[in-house]
All heavy atoms as atom14 arrays in JSON, in Angstrom:
{
  "sequence": "RELVAAISGGGTINKADSVKGRFTVSKDNAKNAVYLQMNSLKP",
  "atom14_mask": [
    [1, 1, 1, 1, 1, 1, 1, 1, 1, 1, 1, 0, 0, 0],
    [1, 1, 1, 1, 1, 1, 1, 1, 1, 0, 0, 0, 0, 0],
    [1, 1, 1, 1, 1, 1, 1, 1, 0, 0, 0, 0, 0, 0],
    [1, 1, 1, 1, 1, 1, 1, 0, 0, 0, 0, 0, 0, 0],
    [1, 1, 1, 1, 1, 0, 0, 0, 0, 0, 0, 0, 0, 0],
    [1, 1, 1, 1, 1, 0, 0, 0, 0, 0, 0, 0, 0, 0],
    [1, 1, 1, 1, 1, 1, 1, 1, 0, 0, 0, 0, 0, 0],
    [1, 1, 1, 1, 1, 1, 0, 0, 0, 0, 0, 0, 0, 0],
    [1, 1, 1, 1, 0, 0, 0, 0, 0, 0, 0, 0, 0, 0],
    [1, 1, 1, 1, 0, 0, 0, 0, 0, 0, 0, 0, 0, 0],
    [1, 1, 1, 1, 0, 0, 0, 0, 0, 0, 0, 0, 0, 0],
    [1, 1, 1, 1, 1, 1, 1, 0, 0, 0, 0, 0, 0, 0],
    [1, 1, 1, 1, 1, 1, 1, 1, 0, 0, 0, 0, 0, 0],
    [1, 1, 1, 1, 1, 1, 1, 1, 0, 0, 0, 0, 0, 0],
    [1, 1, 1, 1, 1, 1, 1, 1, 1, 0, 0, 0, 0, 0],
    [1, 1, 1, 1, 1, 0, 0, 0, 0, 0, 0, 0, 0, 0],
    [1, 1, 1, 1, 1, 1, 1, 1, 0, 0, 0, 0, 0, 0],
    [1, 1, 1, 1, 1, 1, 0, 0, 0, 0, 0, 0, 0, 0],
    [1, 1, 1, 1, 1, 1, 1, 0, 0, 0, 0, 0, 0, 0],
    [1, 1, 1, 1, 1, 1, 1, 1, 1, 0, 0, 0, 0, 0],
    [1, 1, 1, 1, 0, 0, 0, 0, 0, 0, 0, 0, 0, 0],
    [1, 1, 1, 1, 1, 1, 1, 1, 1, 1, 1, 0, 0, 0],
    [1, 1, 1, 1, 1, 1, 1, 1, 1, 1, 1, 0, 0, 0],
    [1, 1, 1, 1, 1, 1, 1, 0, 0, 0, 0, 0, 0, 0],
    [1, 1, 1, 1, 1, 1, 1, 0, 0, 0, 0, 0, 0, 0],
    [1, 1, 1, 1, 1, 1, 0, 0, 0, 0, 0, 0, 0, 0],
    [1, 1, 1, 1, 1, 1, 1, 1, 1, 0, 0, 0, 0, 0],
    [1, 1, 1, 1, 1, 1, 1, 1, 0, 0, 0, 0, 0, 0],
    [1, 1, 1, 1, 1, 1, 1, 1, 0, 0, 0, 0, 0, 0],
    [1, 1, 1, 1, 1, 0, 0, 0, 0, 0, 0, 0, 0, 0],
    [1, 1, 1, 1, 1, 1, 1, 1, 1, 0, 0, 0, 0, 0],
    [1, 1, 1, 1, 1, 1, 1, 1, 0, 0, 0, 0, 0, 0],
    [1, 1, 1, 1, 1, 0, 0, 0, 0, 0, 0, 0, 0, 0],
    [1, 1, 1, 1, 1, 1, 1, 0, 0, 0, 0, 0, 0, 0],
    [1, 1, 1, 1, 1, 1, 1, 1, 1, 1, 1, 1, 0, 0],
    [1, 1, 1, 1, 1, 1, 1, 1, 0, 0, 0, 0, 0, 0],
    [1, 1, 1, 1, 1, 1, 1, 1, 1, 0, 0, 0, 0, 0],
    [1, 1, 1, 1, 1, 1, 1, 1, 0, 0, 0, 0, 0, 0],
    [1, 1, 1, 1, 1, 1, 1, 1, 0, 0, 0, 0, 0, 0],
    [1, 1, 1, 1, 1, 1, 0, 0, 0, 0, 0, 0, 0, 0],
    [1, 1, 1, 1, 1, 1, 1, 1, 0, 0, 0, 0, 0, 0],
    [1, 1, 1, 1, 1, 1, 1, 1, 1, 0, 0, 0, 0, 0],
    [1, 1, 1, 1, 1, 1, 1, 0, 0, 0, 0, 0, 0, 0]
  ],
  "atom14_positions": [
    [[-7.91, -1.22, -14.63], [-7.46, -0.74, -13.33], [-7.31, -1.93, -12.4], [-8.16, -2.82, -12.37], [-8.46, 0.27, -12.76], [-7.97, 1.01, -11.55], [-8.93, 2.11, -11.13], [-9.05, 3.14, -12.16], [-9.7, 4.29, -11.98], [-10.29, 4.54, -10.82], [-9.79, 5.15, -12.97], [0.0, 0.0, 0.0], [0.0, 0.0, 0.0], [0.0, 0.0, 0.0]],
    [[-6.21, -1.94, -11.63], [-5.95, -3.07, -10.74], [-5.56, -2.58, -9.36], [-4.98, -1.51, -9.19], [-4.82, -3.94, -11.3], [-3.48, -3.24, -11.41], [-2.35, -4.15, -11.85], [-2.59, -5.36, -12.08], [-1.21, -3.67, -11.94], [0.0, 0.0, 0.0], [0.0, 0.0, 0.0], [0.0, 0.0, 0.0], [0.0, 0.0, 0.0], [0.0, 0.0, 0.0]],
    [[-5.87, -3.42, -8.38], [-5.48, -3.12, -7.0], [-3.96, -3.19, -6.88], [-3.33, -4.12, -7.36], [-6.1, -4.12, -6.05], [-5.62, -4.04, -4.61], [-6.14, -2.78, -3.93], [-6.05, -5.28, -3.82], [0.0, 0.0, 0.0], [0.0, 0.0, 0.0], [0.0, 0.0, 0.0], [0.0, 0.0, 0.0], [0.0, 0.0, 0.0], [0.0, 0.0, 0.0]],
    [[-3.4, -2.19, -6.22], [-1.97, -2.22, -5.87], [-1.83, -2.67, -4.42], [-1.2, -3.68, -4.12], [-1.32, -0.85, -6.06], [0.15, -0.9, -5.65], [-1.45, -0.39, -7.51], [0.0, 0.0, 0.0], [0.0, 0.0, 0.0], [0.0, 0.0, 0.0], [0.0, 0.0, 0.0], [0.0, 0.0, 0.0], [0.0, 0.0, 0.0], [0.0, 0.0, 0.0]],
    [[-2.43, -1.9, -3.51], [-2.36, -2.23, -2.1], [-3.48, -1.49, -1.38], [-3.8, -0.36, -1.73], [-1.01, -1.85, -1.5], [0.0, 0.0, 0.0], [0.0, 0.0, 0.0], [0.0, 0.0, 0.0], [0.0, 0.0, 0.0], [0.0, 0.0, 0.0], [0.0, 0.0, 0.0], [0.0, 0.0, 0.0], [0.0, 0.0, 0.0], [0.0, 0.0, 0.0]],
    [[-4.05, -2.14, -0.37], [-5.11, -1.52, 0.4], [-4.99, -1.95, 1.85], [-4.46, -3.02, 2.16], [-6.48, -1.92, -0.15], [0.0, 0.0, 0.0], [0.0, 0.0, 0.0], [0.0, 0.0, 0.0], [0.0, 0.0, 0.0], [0.0, 0.0, 0.0], [0.0, 0.0, 0.0], [0.0, 0.0, 0.0], [0.0, 0.0, 0.0], [0.0, 0.0, 0.0]],
    [[-5.49, -1.08, 2.74], [-5.43, -1.34, 4.17], [-6.82, -1.12, 4.75], [-7.47, -0.12, 4.47], [-4.35, -0.45, 4.84], [-4.24, -0.77, 6.33], [-4.61, 1.03, 4.6], [-2.99, -0.15, 6.96], [0.0, 0.0, 0.0], [0.0, 0.0, 0.0], [0.0, 0.0, 0.0], [0.0, 0.0, 0.0], [0.0, 0.0, 0.0], [0.0, 0.0, 0.0]],
    [[-7.27, -2.08, 5.54], [-8.6, -1.98, 6.13], [-8.56, -1.16, 7.41], [-7.5, -0.82, 7.93], [-9.13, -3.38, 6.44], [-8.45, -3.91, 7.57], [0.0, 0.0, 0.0], [0.0, 0.0, 0.0], [0.0, 0.0, 0.0], [0.0, 0.0, 0.0], [0.0, 0.0, 0.0], [0.0, 0.0, 0.0], [0.0, 0.0, 0.0], [0.0, 0.0, 0.0]],
    [[-9.73, -0.86, 7.93], [-9.81, -0.11, 9.18], [-9.13, -0.83, 10.33], [-8.58, -0.19, 11.24], [0.0, 0.0, 0.0], [0.0, 0.0, 0.0], [0.0, 0.0, 0.0], [0.0, 0.0, 0.0], [0.0, 0.0, 0.0], [0.0, 0.0, 0.0], [0.0, 0.0, 0.0], [0.0, 0.0, 0.0], [0.0, 0.0, 0.0], [0.0, 0.0, 0.0]],
    [[-9.14, -2.17, 10.26], [-8.5, -2.96, 11.31], [-7.02, -3.2, 11.07], [-6.36, -3.85, 11.88], [0.0, 0.0, 0.0], [0.0, 0.0, 0.0], [0.0, 0.0, 0.0], [0.0, 0.0, 0.0], [0.0, 0.0, 0.0], [0.0, 0.0, 0.0], [0.0, 0.0, 0.0], [0.0, 0.0, 0.0], [0.0, 0.0, 0.0], [0.0, 0.0, 0.0]],
    [[-6.51, -2.68, 9.95], [-5.08, -2.78, 9.68], [-4.7, -3.94, 8.77], [-3.51, -4.14, 8.49], [0.0, 0.0, 0.0], [0.0, 0.0, 0.0], [0.0, 0.0, 0.0], [0.0, 0.0, 0.0], [0.0, 0.0, 0.0], [0.0, 0.0, 0.0], [0.0, 0.0, 0.0], [0.0, 0.0, 0.0], [0.0, 0.0, 0.0], [0.0, 0.0, 0.0]],
    [[-5.66, -4.71, 8.3], [-5.35, -5.8, 7.38], [-4.93, -5.22, 6.03], [-5.58, -4.33, 5.5], [-6.56, -6.72, 7.18], [-6.94, -7.26, 8.45], [-6.22, -7.85, 6.22], [0.0, 0.0, 0.0], [0.0, 0.0, 0.0], [0.0, 0.0, 0.0], [0.0, 0.0, 0.0], [0.0, 0.0, 0.0], [0.0, 0.0, 0.0], [0.0, 0.0, 0.0]],
    [[-3.83, -5.74, 5.5], [-3.27, -5.23, 4.25], [-3.42, -6.28, 3.15], [-3.14, -7.46, 3.36], [-1.8, -4.83, 4.43], [-1.71, -3.61, 5.34], [-1.14, -4.55, 3.09], [-0.3, -3.23, 5.72], [0.0, 0.0, 0.0], [0.0, 0.0, 0.0], [0.0, 0.0, 0.0], [0.0, 0.0, 0.0], [0.0, 0.0, 0.0], [0.0, 0.0, 0.0]],
    [[-3.84, -5.81, 2.0], [-3.98, -6.64, 0.81], [-3.12, -6.02, -0.29], [-3.22, -4.82, -0.55], [-5.45, -6.69, 0.38], [-5.69, -7.66, -0.74], [-4.92, -8.58, -0.96], [-6.77, -7.46, -1.48], [0.0, 0.0, 0.0], [0.0, 0.0, 0.0], [0.0, 0.0, 0.0], [0.0, 0.0, 0.0], [0.0, 0.0, 0.0], [0.0, 0.0, 0.0]],
    [[-2.26, -6.84, -0.91], [-1.37, -6.33, -1.95], [-1.41, -7.21, -3.18], [-1.59, -8.43, -3.07], [0.09, -6.31, -1.46], [0.45, -5.24, -0.48], [1.96, -5.31, -0.24], [2.37, -4.5, 0.93], [3.82, -4.6, 1.2], [0.0, 0.0, 0.0], [0.0, 0.0, 0.0], [0.0, 0.0, 0.0], [0.0, 0.0, 0.0], [0.0, 0.0, 0.0]],
    [[-1.16, -6.6, -4.31], [-0.97, -7.37, -5.53], [0.34, -8.15, -5.43], [1.32, -7.66, -4.87], [-0.93, -6.45, -6.74], [0.0, 0.0, 0.0], [0.0, 0.0, 0.0], [0.0, 0.0, 0.0], [0.0, 0.0, 0.0], [0.0, 0.0, 0.0], [0.0, 0.0, 0.0], [0.0, 0.0, 0.0], [0.0, 0.0, 0.0], [0.0, 0.0, 0.0]],
    [[0.35, -9.35, -5.98], [1.57, -10.17, -5.92], [2.75, -9.45, -6.55], [3.9, -9.59, -6.11], [1.34, -11.5, -6.63], [0.43, -12.43, -5.84], [0.25, -12.21, -4.62], [-0.11, -13.38, -6.44], [0.0, 0.0, 0.0], [0.0, 0.0, 0.0], [0.0, 0.0, 0.0], [0.0, 0.0, 0.0], [0.0, 0.0, 0.0], [0.0, 0.0, 0.0]],
    [[2.49, -8.66, -7.58], [3.56, -8.01, -8.33], [4.3, -6.94, -7.53], [5.39, -6.52, -7.91], [3.0, -7.38, -9.61], [2.01, -6.42, -9.3], [0.0, 0.0, 0.0], [0.0, 0.0, 0.0], [0.0, 0.0, 0.0], [0.0, 0.0, 0.0], [0.0, 0.0, 0.0], [0.0, 0.0, 0.0], [0.0, 0.0, 0.0], [0.0, 0.0, 0.0]],
    [[3.72, -6.48, -6.41], [4.37, -5.43, -5.63], [4.81, -5.89, -4.25], [5.42, -5.12, -3.51], [3.46, -4.18, -5.5], [2.99, -3.72, -6.87], [2.28, -4.46, -4.58], [0.0, 0.0, 0.0], [0.0, 0.0, 0.0], [0.0, 0.0, 0.0], [0.0, 0.0, 0.0], [0.0, 0.0, 0.0], [0.0, 0.0, 0.0], [0.0, 0.0, 0.0]],
    [[4.52, -7.13, -3.91], [4.92, -7.63, -2.59], [6.44, -7.59, -2.45], [7.18, -7.95, -3.36], [4.4, -9.06, -2.39], [2.9, -9.12, -2.15], [2.41, -10.55, -1.98], [0.9, -10.56, -1.73], [0.36, -11.94, -1.62], [0.0, 0.0, 0.0], [0.0, 0.0, 0.0], [0.0, 0.0, 0.0], [0.0, 0.0, 0.0], [0.0, 0.0, 0.0]],
    [[6.88, -7.11, -1.3], [8.3, -6.97, -1.05], [8.89, -5.66, -1.56], [10.06, -5.37, -1.28], [0.0, 0.0, 0.0], [0.0, 0.0, 0.0], [0.0, 0.0, 0.0], [0.0, 0.0, 0.0], [0.0, 0.0, 0.0], [0.0, 0.0, 0.0], [0.0, 0.0, 0.0], [0.0, 0.0, 0.0], [0.0, 0.0, 0.0], [0.0, 0.0, 0.0]],
    [[8.1, -4.89, -2.3], [8.6, -3.63, -2.87], [7.77, -2.42, -2.44], [8.34, -1.34, -2.22], [8.6, -3.71, -4.4], [9.44, -4.84, -4.96], [9.56, -4.74, -6.49], [8.27, -4.84, -7.16], [7.8, -3.91, -7.99], [8.51, -2.81, -8.23], [6.65, -4.08, -8.58], [0.0, 0.0, 0.0], [0.0, 0.0, 0.0], [0.0, 0.0, 0.0]],
    [[6.47, -2.56, -2.35], [5.58, -1.45, -2.02], [5.01, -1.62, -0.63], [4.71, -2.74, -0.2], [4.42, -1.38, -3.0], [4.79, -0.97, -4.41], [6.1, -0.89, -4.84], [3.78, -0.65, -5.32], [6.42, -0.51, -6.14], [4.08, -0.28, -6.61], [5.4, -0.22, -7.02], [0.0, 0.0, 0.0], [0.0, 0.0, 0.0], [0.0, 0.0, 0.0]],
    [[4.83, -0.48, 0.06], [4.24, -0.49, 1.4], [3.12, 0.54, 1.46], [3.33, 1.71, 1.11], [5.3, -0.15, 2.46], [6.38, -1.1, 2.39], [4.69, -0.2, 3.86], [0.0, 0.0, 0.0], [0.0, 0.0, 0.0], [0.0, 0.0, 0.0], [0.0, 0.0, 0.0], [0.0, 0.0, 0.0], [0.0, 0.0, 0.0], [0.0, 0.0, 0.0]],
    [[1.95, 0.11, 1.91], [0.83, 1.03, 2.11], [0.69, 1.3, 3.6], [0.89, 0.4, 4.43], [-0.49, 0.43, 1.54], [-0.88, -0.86, 2.24], [-1.61, 1.46, 1.6], [0.0, 0.0, 0.0], [0.0, 0.0, 0.0], [0.0, 0.0, 0.0], [0.0, 0.0, 0.0], [0.0, 0.0, 0.0], [0.0, 0.0, 0.0], [0.0, 0.0, 0.0]],
    [[0.41, 2.57, 3.92], [0.22, 2.94, 5.31], [-0.77, 4.08, 5.39], [-1.08, 4.72, 4.38], [1.56, 3.35, 5.95], [2.09, 4.47, 5.29], [0.0, 0.0, 0.0], [0.0, 0.0, 0.0], [0.0, 0.0, 0.0], [0.0, 0.0, 0.0], [0.0, 0.0, 0.0], [0.0, 0.0, 0.0], [0.0, 0.0, 0.0], [0.0, 0.0, 0.0]],
    [[-1.27, 4.33, 6.58], [-2.23, 5.43, 6.77], [-1.91, 6.14, 8.05], [-1.3, 5.59, 8.97], [-3.66, 4.92, 6.76], [-4.0, 3.97, 7.91], [-5.46, 3.56, 7.86], [-5.78, 2.6, 9.0], [-7.23, 2.27, 9.04], [0.0, 0.0, 0.0], [0.0, 0.0, 0.0], [0.0, 0.0, 0.0], [0.0, 0.0, 0.0], [0.0, 0.0, 0.0]],
    [[-2.36, 7.39, 8.11], [-2.2, 8.21, 9.3], [-3.56, 8.84, 9.59], [-3.95, 9.81, 8.93], [-1.12, 9.28, 9.06], [-0.79, 10.06, 10.31], [-1.66, 10.17, 11.21], [0.33, 10.56, 10.4], [0.0, 0.0, 0.0], [0.0, 0.0, 0.0], [0.0, 0.0, 0.0], [0.0, 0.0, 0.0], [0.0, 0.0, 0.0], [0.0, 0.0, 0.0]],
    [[-4.28, 8.27, 10.54], [-5.63, 8.77, 10.82], [-5.6, 10.2, 11.34], [-6.53, 10.98, 11.08], [-6.32, 7.86, 11.83], [-6.69, 6.51, 11.23], [-6.8, 6.39, 10.01], [-6.86, 5.51, 12.06], [0.0, 0.0, 0.0], [0.0, 0.0, 0.0], [0.0, 0.0, 0.0], [0.0, 0.0, 0.0], [0.0, 0.0, 0.0], [0.0, 0.0, 0.0]],
    [[-4.56, 10.56, 12.05], [-4.46, 11.92, 12.59], [-4.31, 12.96, 11.49], [-4.75, 14.1, 11.63], [-3.29, 12.02, 13.56], [0.0, 0.0, 0.0], [0.0, 0.0, 0.0], [0.0, 0.0, 0.0], [0.0, 0.0, 0.0], [0.0, 0.0, 0.0], [0.0, 0.0, 0.0], [0.0, 0.0, 0.0], [0.0, 0.0, 0.0], [0.0, 0.0, 0.0]],
    [[-3.69, 12.55, 10.38], [-3.48, 13.47, 9.26], [-4.48, 13.24, 8.12], [-4.39, 13.88, 7.08], [-2.05, 13.32, 8.71], [-0.98, 13.74, 9.7], [0.4, 13.65, 9.08], [1.46, 14.14, 10.05], [2.83, 14.06, 9.48], [0.0, 0.0, 0.0], [0.0, 0.0, 0.0], [0.0, 0.0, 0.0], [0.0, 0.0, 0.0], [0.0, 0.0, 0.0]],
    [[-5.42, 12.3, 8.33], [-6.39, 11.99, 7.26], [-5.67, 11.69, 5.95], [-5.95, 12.31, 4.91], [-7.38, 13.13, 7.05], [-8.41, 13.21, 8.15], [-8.25, 12.6, 9.2], [-9.46, 13.97, 7.91], [0.0, 0.0, 0.0], [0.0, 0.0, 0.0], [0.0, 0.0, 0.0], [0.0, 0.0, 0.0], [0.0, 0.0, 0.0], [0.0, 0.0, 0.0]],
    [[-4.73, 10.75, 6.01], [-3.91, 10.49, 4.83], [-3.58, 9.02, 4.69], [-3.54, 8.26, 5.67], [-2.62, 11.29, 4.91], [0.0, 0.0, 0.0], [0.0, 0.0, 0.0], [0.0, 0.0, 0.0], [0.0, 0.0, 0.0], [0.0, 0.0, 0.0], [0.0, 0.0, 0.0], [0.0, 0.0, 0.0], [0.0, 0.0, 0.0], [0.0, 0.0, 0.0]],
    [[-3.34, 8.63, 3.44], [-2.86, 7.28, 3.13], [-1.67, 7.43, 2.19], [-1.62, 8.37, 1.38], [-3.98, 6.4, 2.52], [-4.5, 7.0, 1.23], [-3.51, 4.98, 2.32], [0.0, 0.0, 0.0], [0.0, 0.0, 0.0], [0.0, 0.0, 0.0], [0.0, 0.0, 0.0], [0.0, 0.0, 0.0], [0.0, 0.0, 0.0], [0.0, 0.0, 0.0]],
    [[-0.71, 6.54, 2.35], [0.55, 6.65, 1.61], [0.87, 5.35, 0.89], [0.41, 4.27, 1.28], [1.69, 6.97, 2.58], [1.42, 8.16, 3.46], [0.97, 7.99, 4.77], [1.61, 9.45, 2.98], [0.71, 9.08, 5.58], [1.36, 10.55, 3.8], [0.91, 10.36, 5.09], [0.66, 11.44, 5.89], [0.0, 0.0, 0.0], [0.0, 0.0, 0.0]],
    [[1.69, 5.47, -0.15], [2.22, 4.3, -0.84], [3.7, 4.53, -1.07], [4.08, 5.39, -1.85], [1.5, 4.06, -2.17], [1.92, 2.79, -2.9], [1.46, 1.56, -2.14], [1.36, 2.77, -4.33], [0.0, 0.0, 0.0], [0.0, 0.0, 0.0], [0.0, 0.0, 0.0], [0.0, 0.0, 0.0], [0.0, 0.0, 0.0], [0.0, 0.0, 0.0]],
    [[4.52, 3.79, -0.35], [5.97, 3.85, -0.54], [6.33, 2.79, -1.57], [6.06, 1.6, -1.37], [6.7, 3.58, 0.78], [8.2, 3.56, 0.66], [8.79, 4.9, 0.29], [8.38, 5.92, 0.82], [9.76, 4.9, -0.64], [0.0, 0.0, 0.0], [0.0, 0.0, 0.0], [0.0, 0.0, 0.0], [0.0, 0.0, 0.0], [0.0, 0.0, 0.0]],
    [[6.94, 3.22, -2.65], [7.28, 2.32, -3.76], [8.79, 2.27, -3.9], [9.44, 3.28, -4.19], [6.64, 2.82, -5.05], [5.13, 3.0, -4.96], [4.38, 3.45, -6.54], [5.03, 5.1, -6.74], [0.0, 0.0, 0.0], [0.0, 0.0, 0.0], [0.0, 0.0, 0.0], [0.0, 0.0, 0.0], [0.0, 0.0, 0.0], [0.0, 0.0, 0.0]],
    [[9.36, 1.1, -3.67], [10.8, 0.88, -3.8], [11.08, -0.12, -4.91], [10.18, -0.83, -5.36], [11.37, 0.36, -2.48], [11.2, 1.33, -1.33], [11.21, 2.54, -1.52], [11.02, 0.79, -0.13], [0.0, 0.0, 0.0], [0.0, 0.0, 0.0], [0.0, 0.0, 0.0], [0.0, 0.0, 0.0], [0.0, 0.0, 0.0], [0.0, 0.0, 0.0]],
    [[12.31, -0.16, -5.34], [12.73, -1.1, -6.39], [11.79, -1.04, -7.59], [11.33, -2.08, -8.1], [12.78, -2.54, -5.83], [13.66, -2.61, -4.73], [0.0, 0.0, 0.0], [0.0, 0.0, 0.0], [0.0, 0.0, 0.0], [0.0, 0.0, 0.0], [0.0, 0.0, 0.0], [0.0, 0.0, 0.0], [0.0, 0.0, 0.0], [0.0, 0.0, 0.0]],
    [[11.52, 0.17, -8.03], [10.56, 0.36, -9.12], [11.04, -0.3, -10.4], [12.24, -0.35, -10.7], [10.31, 1.85, -9.33], [9.4, 2.51, -8.29], [9.56, 4.03, -8.33], [7.96, 2.12, -8.53], [0.0, 0.0, 0.0], [0.0, 0.0, 0.0], [0.0, 0.0, 0.0], [0.0, 0.0, 0.0], [0.0, 0.0, 0.0], [0.0, 0.0, 0.0]],
    [[10.04, -0.78, -11.16], [10.3, -1.43, -12.44], [9.53, -0.7, -13.54], [8.51, -0.06, -13.26], [9.82, -2.89, -12.39], [10.43, -3.72, -11.28], [9.83, -5.12, -11.24], [10.42, -5.97, -10.14], [9.82, -7.34, -10.11], [0.0, 0.0, 0.0], [0.0, 0.0, 0.0], [0.0, 0.0, 0.0], [0.0, 0.0, 0.0], [0.0, 0.0, 0.0]],
    [[9.99, -0.8, -14.79], [9.24, -0.15, -15.87], [7.77, -0.57, -15.92], [6.91, 0.24, -16.26], [10.0, -0.6, -17.12], [11.41, -0.8, -16.64], [11.27, -1.37, -15.26], [0.0, 0.0, 0.0], [0.0, 0.0, 0.0], [0.0, 0.0, 0.0], [0.0, 0.0, 0.0], [0.0, 0.0, 0.0], [0.0, 0.0, 0.0], [0.0, 0.0, 0.0]]
  ]
}
């Protein structure tokens, strides 16, 4: 298991090099949710 992307409480984002420029992590505290938008997907 490997980290893809994570966001801290202060908004700092950490991403795997393999997904930089393609994946975006975000959160919505009002909705109690976290999201991962994945673009330019590869096999």
